[in-house]
Protein backbone atom coordinates (compact mmCIF):
# COMPACT_ATOMS: atom_id res chain seq x y z
CA MET A 1 16.14 7.32 -12.39
CA ARG A 2 15.71 7.66 -8.64
CA PRO A 3 14.18 4.66 -6.82
CA PRO A 4 10.79 5.25 -5.20
CA ALA A 5 11.00 6.60 -1.66
CA VAL A 6 10.23 4.18 1.19
CA SER A 7 8.35 5.60 4.16
CA LEU A 8 9.95 5.65 7.58
CA ARG A 9 7.35 3.17 8.82
CA TRP A 10 8.36 0.55 6.28
CA GLN A 11 12.05 1.28 6.71
CA ILE A 12 11.77 0.53 10.44
CA ALA A 13 9.58 -2.52 9.87
CA LEU A 14 11.87 -3.97 7.20
CA THR A 15 14.94 -3.31 9.33
CA VAL A 16 13.39 -5.03 12.35
CA MET A 17 12.31 -7.98 10.17
CA ALA A 18 15.76 -8.28 8.59
CA VAL A 19 17.47 -8.22 11.99
CA SER A 20 15.02 -10.75 13.46
CA CYS A 21 15.49 -13.08 10.46
CA ALA A 22 19.27 -12.84 10.77
CA VAL A 23 19.12 -13.57 14.51
CA ALA A 24 16.72 -16.48 13.93
CA ALA A 25 18.98 -17.91 11.20
CA VAL A 26 22.08 -17.72 13.41
CA LEU A 27 20.29 -19.25 16.38
CA GLY A 28 18.79 -21.97 14.17
CA VAL A 29 22.20 -22.94 12.80
CA LEU A 30 23.73 -23.01 16.27
CA VAL A 31 20.89 -25.09 17.73
CA HIS A 32 20.93 -27.46 14.74
CA ASN A 33 24.67 -28.03 15.06
CA ALA A 34 24.43 -28.59 18.81
CA VAL A 35 21.55 -31.06 18.54
CA ALA A 36 23.06 -32.85 15.54
CA ARG A 37 26.41 -33.15 17.32
CA GLN A 38 24.74 -34.60 20.41
CA THR A 39 22.44 -37.01 18.49
CA VAL A 40 25.12 -38.28 16.11
CA GLY A 41 27.56 -38.54 19.00
CA GLN A 42 25.14 -40.79 20.88
CA VAL A 43 24.78 -43.11 17.87
CA ARG A 44 28.58 -43.19 17.43
CA LYS A 45 28.95 -44.08 21.11
CA GLU A 46 26.47 -46.97 20.82
CA ALA A 47 28.20 -48.26 17.69
CA ARG A 48 31.58 -48.17 19.47
CA VAL A 49 30.14 -50.07 22.48
CA ASN A 50 28.83 -52.74 20.11
CA LEU A 51 32.25 -52.89 18.43
CA ASP A 52 34.07 -53.30 21.76
CA THR A 53 31.71 -56.09 22.77
CA ALA A 54 32.08 -57.81 19.39
CA LEU A 55 35.92 -57.63 19.64
CA ASP A 56 35.84 -59.15 23.12
CA LEU A 57 33.59 -62.01 21.98
CA PHE A 58 35.72 -62.53 18.85
CA GLU A 59 38.85 -62.78 20.98
CA TYR A 60 37.34 -65.46 23.20
CA GLY A 61 35.69 -67.24 20.27
CA THR A 62 32.21 -66.65 21.60
CA SER A 63 29.16 -66.18 19.37
CA ARG A 64 28.35 -62.56 18.44
CA GLU A 65 24.77 -63.21 17.48
CA GLY A 66 22.47 -60.19 18.04
CA LEU A 67 25.32 -57.63 18.18
CA ASN A 68 24.99 -56.39 14.57
CA SER A 69 28.68 -57.13 13.96
CA LEU A 70 30.42 -58.53 10.88
CA LEU A 71 33.92 -59.50 9.73
CA ASP A 72 35.04 -57.74 6.58
CA PRO A 73 31.50 -56.75 5.46
CA PRO A 74 31.50 -55.83 1.76
CA GLU A 75 29.31 -52.73 2.38
CA LEU A 76 31.78 -51.15 4.80
CA PRO A 77 32.88 -47.75 3.45
CA ALA A 78 36.28 -47.96 1.75
CA ASP A 79 37.78 -45.09 3.80
CA LEU A 80 36.74 -46.71 7.06
CA ARG A 81 38.09 -50.08 5.86
CA ARG A 82 41.51 -48.58 5.06
CA LEU A 83 41.55 -46.87 8.49
CA ALA A 84 40.87 -50.17 10.26
CA ARG A 85 43.49 -52.08 8.25
CA SER A 86 46.01 -49.42 9.26
CA GLY A 87 45.39 -50.42 12.90
CA GLN A 88 43.06 -47.61 13.94
CA ARG A 89 39.44 -47.39 14.96
CA GLY A 90 36.81 -45.14 13.44
CA THR A 91 33.14 -44.53 12.68
CA MET A 92 31.40 -43.44 9.51
CA VAL A 93 27.86 -43.19 8.14
CA GLY A 94 27.13 -45.65 5.36
CA THR A 95 24.54 -48.16 4.17
CA TYR A 96 23.75 -51.77 4.96
CA HIS A 97 21.21 -53.68 2.89
CA GLY A 98 19.93 -50.33 1.57
CA ARG A 99 19.47 -48.80 5.03
CA SER A 100 21.38 -45.90 6.48
CA VAL A 101 23.61 -47.06 9.35
CA MET A 102 26.47 -45.83 11.51
CA TRP A 103 29.51 -48.11 11.04
CA ALA A 104 32.22 -48.60 13.65
CA ALA A 105 35.32 -50.61 12.59
CA ALA A 106 38.59 -51.80 14.14
CA PRO A 107 41.34 -54.33 13.27
CA ALA A 108 40.73 -57.92 14.48
CA ASP A 109 43.47 -60.53 13.95
CA GLY A 110 44.30 -59.35 10.42
CA GLN A 111 40.71 -58.77 9.53
CA VAL A 112 38.31 -55.89 10.00
CA MET A 113 35.63 -56.16 12.69
CA ALA A 114 32.66 -53.88 11.99
CA ALA A 115 29.58 -53.13 14.04
CA TRP A 116 26.65 -50.98 12.98
CA ARG A 117 23.71 -49.10 14.44
CA PRO A 118 20.56 -47.92 12.56
CA TYR A 119 20.96 -44.31 11.45
CA GLY A 120 17.77 -43.64 9.44
CA SER A 121 15.78 -42.57 12.50
CA VAL A 122 18.50 -40.04 13.32
CA HIS A 123 18.14 -38.53 9.83
CA ARG A 124 14.37 -38.29 10.24
CA SER A 125 14.69 -36.80 13.71
CA LEU A 126 17.12 -34.14 12.47
CA ASP A 127 14.85 -33.35 9.51
CA HIS A 128 11.84 -32.95 11.81
CA PHE A 129 13.93 -30.83 14.17
CA ASP A 130 15.11 -28.59 11.31
CA THR A 131 11.51 -28.16 10.17
CA ALA A 132 10.49 -27.18 13.70
CA ILE A 133 13.38 -24.69 13.90
CA LEU A 134 12.44 -23.17 10.54
CA GLY A 135 8.77 -22.88 11.48
CA SER A 136 9.62 -21.32 14.84
CA ALA A 137 12.02 -18.89 13.17
CA VAL A 138 9.40 -17.84 10.59
CA LEU A 139 6.77 -17.41 13.30
CA ALA A 140 9.14 -15.43 15.51
CA ALA A 141 10.26 -13.25 12.58
CA ALA A 142 6.66 -12.57 11.56
CA THR A 143 5.69 -11.70 15.14
CA VAL A 144 8.66 -9.39 15.57
CA ALA A 145 8.00 -7.81 12.14
CA LEU A 146 4.36 -7.14 13.03
CA ALA A 147 5.42 -5.65 16.35
CA GLY A 148 8.01 -3.51 14.55
CA LEU A 149 5.42 -2.41 12.00
CA PHE A 150 3.01 -1.44 14.77
CA LEU A 151 5.69 0.51 16.60
CA ALA A 152 6.88 2.13 13.37
CA HIS A 153 3.27 3.06 12.50
CA ARG A 154 2.88 4.81 15.84
CA ILE A 155 6.12 6.74 15.36
CA SER A 156 5.28 7.55 11.74
CA ARG A 157 1.78 8.71 12.66
CA ARG A 158 3.11 11.01 15.38
CA LEU A 159 5.71 12.44 13.00
CA ALA A 160 3.04 12.89 10.32
CA THR A 161 0.86 14.76 12.83
CA THR A 162 3.79 17.00 13.73
CA ALA A 163 4.54 17.63 10.04
CA ALA A 164 0.88 18.46 9.33
CA VAL A 165 0.85 21.00 12.16
CA ALA A 166 4.10 22.50 10.85
CA ARG A 167 2.51 22.90 7.41
CA ARG A 168 -0.53 24.61 8.98
CA ILE A 169 1.76 27.01 10.82
CA THR A 170 3.63 27.71 7.57
CA ALA A 171 0.28 28.44 5.88
CA GLY A 172 -0.46 31.05 8.56
CA ASP A 173 -2.46 29.11 11.16
CA LEU A 174 -0.43 30.14 14.21
CA ASP A 175 -3.05 28.66 16.57
CA ALA A 176 -2.15 25.15 15.37
CA ARG A 177 -0.43 23.01 18.01
CA VAL A 178 0.64 19.38 18.18
CA GLY A 179 -0.16 18.98 21.88
CA ASP A 180 -1.28 15.51 22.93
CA GLY A 181 -1.82 14.53 19.29
CA ALA A 182 1.82 13.40 19.05
CA GLY A 183 1.80 11.57 22.36
CA LEU A 184 3.14 14.49 24.31
CA PRO A 185 3.26 13.40 27.94
CA GLY A 186 2.12 15.74 30.66
CA GLY A 187 4.94 14.98 33.01
CA GLY A 188 7.40 17.49 31.60
CA ALA A 189 10.38 17.18 29.31
CA ALA A 190 11.96 14.43 31.38
CA GLY A 191 9.18 12.02 30.37
CA GLN A 192 9.29 12.78 26.66
CA ASP A 193 10.69 10.62 23.92
CA GLU A 194 12.39 12.15 20.88
CA VAL A 195 9.20 12.52 18.82
CA ALA A 196 7.39 14.23 21.69
CA ALA A 197 10.41 16.50 22.20
CA VAL A 198 10.24 17.57 18.55
CA ALA A 199 6.49 18.22 18.90
CA ALA A 200 7.03 20.25 22.07
CA ALA A 201 9.76 22.28 20.35
CA LEU A 202 7.44 22.97 17.39
CA ASP A 203 4.66 24.09 19.74
CA SER A 204 7.11 26.33 21.55
CA VAL A 205 8.30 27.92 18.29
CA ALA A 206 4.70 28.42 17.12
CA GLY A 207 3.75 30.02 20.43
CA SER A 208 6.74 32.34 20.38
CA LEU A 209 6.10 33.28 16.73
CA GLN A 210 2.44 33.93 17.45
CA SER A 211 3.25 36.14 20.44
CA ARG A 212 5.74 38.19 18.44
CA LEU A 213 3.39 38.55 15.48
CA GLN A 214 0.53 39.61 17.72
CA ALA A 215 2.79 42.16 19.39
CA GLU A 216 3.79 43.48 15.96
CA GLN A 217 0.15 43.69 14.88
CA ARG A 218 -0.83 45.55 18.05
CA PHE A 219 2.08 47.93 17.57
CA THR A 220 1.10 48.61 13.94
CA ALA A 221 -2.53 49.19 14.86
CA ASP A 222 -1.64 51.43 17.82
CA VAL A 223 0.77 53.52 15.75
CA ALA A 224 -1.79 53.95 12.95
CA HIS A 225 -4.54 54.92 15.40
CA GLU A 226 -2.27 57.39 17.17
CA LEU A 227 -1.20 58.97 13.87
CA ARG A 228 -4.70 59.36 12.46
CA THR A 229 -5.91 62.11 14.84
CA PRO A 230 -2.87 64.44 14.60
CA LEU A 231 -2.72 63.92 10.82
CA THR A 232 -6.33 65.06 10.48
CA GLY A 233 -5.51 68.21 12.46
CA ILE A 234 -2.35 68.89 10.46
CA LEU A 235 -4.22 68.50 7.15
CA ALA A 236 -6.86 70.94 8.33
CA SER A 237 -4.16 73.39 9.44
CA ALA A 238 -2.30 73.06 6.14
CA GLU A 239 -5.39 74.28 4.30
CA LEU A 240 -4.91 77.63 6.06
CA LEU A 241 -1.50 78.16 4.50
CA PRO A 242 -1.25 80.68 1.68
CA GLU A 243 -1.52 79.27 -1.81
CA GLY A 244 1.74 78.38 -3.49
CA ARG A 245 4.29 75.68 -4.13
CA PRO A 246 5.16 75.13 -0.41
CA LYS A 247 1.50 74.46 0.41
CA GLU A 248 1.20 71.97 -2.47
CA MET A 249 4.31 70.09 -1.33
CA ILE A 250 3.13 69.96 2.29
CA ASN A 251 -0.35 68.75 1.33
CA ASP A 252 1.08 66.16 -1.04
CA ARG A 253 3.31 64.67 1.67
CA LEU A 254 0.54 64.80 4.25
CA ARG A 255 -1.86 62.98 1.92
CA ALA A 256 0.79 60.31 1.30
CA LEU A 257 1.27 59.93 5.05
CA ARG A 258 -2.49 59.66 5.57
CA ARG A 259 -2.72 56.94 2.88
CA LEU A 260 0.07 55.05 4.59
CA THR A 261 -1.76 55.35 7.93
CA GLU A 262 -5.00 54.07 6.41
CA ASP A 263 -3.10 51.18 4.79
CA LEU A 264 -1.60 50.26 8.17
CA LEU A 265 -5.03 50.30 9.78
CA GLU A 266 -6.42 48.09 7.02
CA ILE A 267 -3.56 45.62 7.38
CA SER A 268 -4.09 45.46 11.14
CA ARG A 269 -7.76 44.62 10.58
CA LEU A 270 -6.85 41.93 8.05
CA ASP A 271 -4.25 40.47 10.42
CA SER A 272 -6.81 40.24 13.21
CA GLY A 273 -8.77 37.64 11.19
CA THR A 274 -12.11 39.28 12.02
CA GLU A 275 -12.86 40.62 8.53
CA ARG A 276 -15.89 39.05 6.85
CA ALA A 277 -17.00 39.41 3.23
CA ASP A 278 -20.34 41.05 2.37
CA LEU A 279 -21.30 38.87 -0.58
CA ALA A 280 -23.74 39.87 -3.29
CA ALA A 281 -24.36 38.97 -6.96
CA HIS A 282 -22.54 41.19 -9.47
CA ASP A 283 -21.85 41.11 -13.21
CA LEU A 284 -18.12 40.44 -13.15
CA GLY A 285 -17.21 42.22 -16.38
CA GLU A 286 -19.11 45.41 -15.52
CA LEU A 287 -17.78 45.34 -11.96
CA VAL A 288 -14.20 45.14 -13.21
CA ARG A 289 -14.80 47.95 -15.72
CA ARG A 290 -16.10 50.27 -13.01
CA CYS A 291 -13.25 49.40 -10.63
CA VAL A 292 -10.58 50.05 -13.27
CA ALA A 293 -12.27 53.26 -14.49
CA ALA A 294 -12.37 54.59 -10.91
CA THR A 295 -8.56 54.52 -10.75
CA GLY A 296 -8.39 57.18 -13.47
CA LEU A 297 -5.42 55.38 -15.03
CA ASP A 298 -5.09 54.45 -18.70
CA THR A 299 -5.87 50.74 -18.46
CA GLU A 300 -7.35 48.41 -21.08
CA VAL A 301 -10.09 46.01 -19.96
CA ARG A 302 -10.74 42.85 -22.00
CA ILE A 303 -13.78 40.64 -21.31
CA THR A 304 -13.06 37.19 -22.75
CA ALA A 305 -16.08 35.59 -21.09
CA ASP A 306 -18.47 37.21 -18.65
CA ALA A 307 -20.59 35.81 -15.80
CA VAL A 308 -22.57 36.83 -12.74
CA VAL A 309 -20.55 36.08 -9.61
CA GLU A 310 -21.10 36.31 -5.87
CA THR A 311 -18.45 38.52 -4.29
CA ASP A 312 -17.83 41.59 -2.13
CA ARG A 313 -17.74 44.58 -4.50
CA ARG A 314 -15.85 46.86 -2.10
CA ARG A 315 -13.10 44.37 -1.39
CA LEU A 316 -12.70 43.33 -5.04
CA ASP A 317 -12.49 47.02 -5.94
CA ARG A 318 -9.73 47.46 -3.36
CA ILE A 319 -7.80 44.49 -4.79
CA LEU A 320 -8.02 45.64 -8.40
CA THR A 321 -7.24 49.27 -7.51
CA ASN A 322 -4.04 48.23 -5.74
CA LEU A 323 -2.98 45.88 -8.55
CA VAL A 324 -3.65 48.37 -11.34
CA THR A 325 -1.97 51.20 -9.41
CA ASN A 326 1.03 48.99 -8.73
CA ALA A 327 1.25 48.03 -12.44
CA HIS A 328 1.26 51.67 -13.53
CA ARG A 329 3.65 52.78 -10.79
CA HIS A 330 6.27 50.06 -11.15
CA GLY A 331 5.65 48.65 -14.64
CA ARG A 332 5.13 50.09 -18.08
CA ALA A 333 2.18 50.59 -20.39
CA PRO A 334 0.12 49.07 -21.73
CA VAL A 335 -1.59 47.75 -18.58
CA VAL A 336 -4.28 45.18 -19.44
CA VAL A 337 -6.96 43.67 -17.20
CA THR A 338 -8.50 40.50 -18.65
CA VAL A 339 -11.69 38.84 -17.35
CA ASP A 340 -12.28 35.18 -18.23
CA ALA A 341 -15.28 33.48 -16.65
CA ALA A 342 -15.24 30.50 -19.03
CA ALA A 343 -13.20 28.33 -16.63
CA ALA A 344 -15.15 25.62 -14.80
CA ARG A 345 -16.92 27.78 -12.19
CA ARG A 346 -13.63 29.50 -11.33
CA PRO A 347 -13.60 32.88 -13.08
CA THR A 348 -10.19 34.54 -13.41
CA ILE A 349 -8.99 38.13 -13.58
CA GLU A 350 -5.53 38.88 -14.93
CA VAL A 351 -3.71 42.18 -14.37
CA ARG A 352 -0.64 42.57 -16.55
CA ASP A 353 1.85 45.29 -17.37
CA HIS A 354 4.78 45.33 -19.82
CA GLY A 355 7.54 46.45 -17.50
CA PRO A 356 10.53 44.60 -16.04
CA GLY A 357 8.35 42.12 -14.17
CA TYR A 358 8.21 41.13 -10.53
CA PRO A 359 11.52 40.65 -8.68
CA ALA A 360 12.58 37.09 -7.89
CA ASP A 361 12.16 37.61 -4.14
CA LEU A 362 8.49 38.52 -4.55
CA LEU A 363 7.86 35.52 -6.82
CA HIS A 364 9.37 33.15 -4.25
CA HIS A 365 8.11 34.68 -0.98
CA GLY A 366 5.17 36.83 -1.98
CA PRO A 367 4.69 40.54 -1.20
CA GLN A 368 6.68 41.80 1.79
CA ARG A 369 5.60 44.75 3.89
CA PHE A 370 7.74 47.86 3.63
CA SER A 371 9.75 46.32 0.81
CA THR A 372 11.55 49.35 -0.57
CA ASP A 373 14.03 47.55 -2.81
CA ALA A 374 12.49 46.28 -6.03
CA PRO A 375 15.16 46.52 -8.76
CA GLY A 376 13.69 47.76 -12.00
CA ARG A 377 10.23 48.32 -10.52
CA GLY A 378 10.76 51.57 -8.61
CA LYS A 379 10.35 52.19 -4.90
CA GLY A 380 7.40 51.60 -2.61
CA HIS A 381 6.45 50.55 0.89
CA GLY A 382 5.02 47.21 -0.27
CA LEU A 383 1.63 47.60 1.43
CA GLY A 384 -0.49 47.74 -1.74
CA LEU A 385 0.19 44.14 -2.79
CA THR A 386 0.07 43.00 0.84
CA ILE A 387 -3.44 44.47 1.20
CA ALA A 388 -4.48 42.88 -2.11
CA VAL A 389 -3.37 39.48 -0.86
CA GLY A 390 -5.10 39.99 2.49
CA GLN A 391 -8.40 41.06 0.93
CA SER A 392 -8.18 38.15 -1.51
CA ALA A 393 -7.88 35.76 1.42
CA VAL A 394 -11.10 37.19 2.90
CA LEU A 395 -12.88 36.56 -0.43
CA GLY A 396 -11.30 33.13 -0.92
CA ILE A 397 -9.51 34.30 -4.08
CA ASP A 398 -6.32 32.50 -5.10
CA VAL A 399 -3.62 35.07 -6.00
CA ARG A 400 -0.61 34.13 -8.12
CA PHE A 401 2.25 36.45 -9.01
CA THR A 402 4.18 35.53 -12.17
CA ASN A 403 6.12 37.12 -15.02
CA ALA A 404 4.94 36.82 -18.61
CA PRO A 405 7.26 34.94 -21.00
CA ASP A 406 7.54 38.00 -23.25
CA GLY A 407 8.12 40.39 -20.34
CA GLY A 408 5.97 42.13 -17.78
CA ALA A 409 4.41 41.31 -14.43
CA ARG A 410 1.26 39.16 -14.32
CA THR A 411 -1.12 38.83 -11.38
CA LEU A 412 -3.78 36.14 -11.68
CA LEU A 413 -6.88 36.21 -9.48
CA ARG A 414 -8.88 32.98 -9.40
CA LEU A 415 -12.25 33.40 -7.74
CA PRO A 416 -13.39 30.61 -5.38
CA GLN A 417 -15.08 27.44 -6.58
CA GLY A 418 -18.79 27.99 -7.13
CA ALA A 419 -18.53 31.81 -7.29
CA VAL A 420 -20.60 31.85 -10.50
CA VAL A 421 -24.29 32.45 -9.77
CA GLY A 422 -26.72 30.32 -11.77
């Protein structure tokens, strides 16, 4: 089982917090050791001064009253006692009458002279100091973590904005730009950070893609417009030819070329984004029956549940005509159109054949213009399904291309939310 993903914002914040805690811990240990070494060293020094004074007074037989010194005290640590009896001097922390003290001991005429200094205050001071270090470290780590979280949030938000714009561009909104939304500076590329550079690159790609697509759309529209006039004249001239097989072949090819020209003009209008639906209330089942009957193709219509919907009859007719024609041309009978308006205010229309099904490329990428290679589903220029998708977008219809489990291509049209009247 994969662990849950952690957002970039929290990854940065946790990393900054971990680093700051590690730095605080190292600095705390170093400061503690330095202060402890200095404080304990000062107490050791005072104990040794007392010991030197006590040894001098012991040598001259003078009273040592007030020097906190003793001969062979029973509470002297055993290790320090052995060190002094071996002729050496030393210091060690121990206890005296239940109090923590720093002992200093040295040999004195076959005995052990010991002097002591209070050590309990040093313990308390070091404990207070450690508490202060810990509190400061926690405060510093929290401050740095909050600063890291704020910085990470800004970076994450800018990246999220860039990703959202990229998704809009992928969905077809080529006017979408990141711009200043990702913190893009106006001073040129030299003043950009990495996130702004990515945003600028995305804007540049979107602009280039939009320019190329617009050029392609203009070219398609211009070619279609230029072909329409001479085609009309050629069709009129072909009618003057003598009757026979040559005339039929010429007229057939000219009609196919005229249909292709009209399809190109329709696609150019859909690409321009200026098409608007002329909505009116229609009985969905009867509307579908008339549309399918107008194709003149042997198609079965099943009405599972009917309803009155608000739609554009001409555009829906164009969609169904293209889908039914495509099913007969590239699939196999029987071709069935099913209307189901029982879904929660989202009526559906299914067009299905029993042929080899849609190719994998169409299922993954959708209809492609001038796609002439559809294994098992014949040849075509790919504009029929493209127009169906474009007209569906104008009507707000969700189009899904799938293959039925038992074989055959399925196209599901889901009308927009609230399309049912009443």
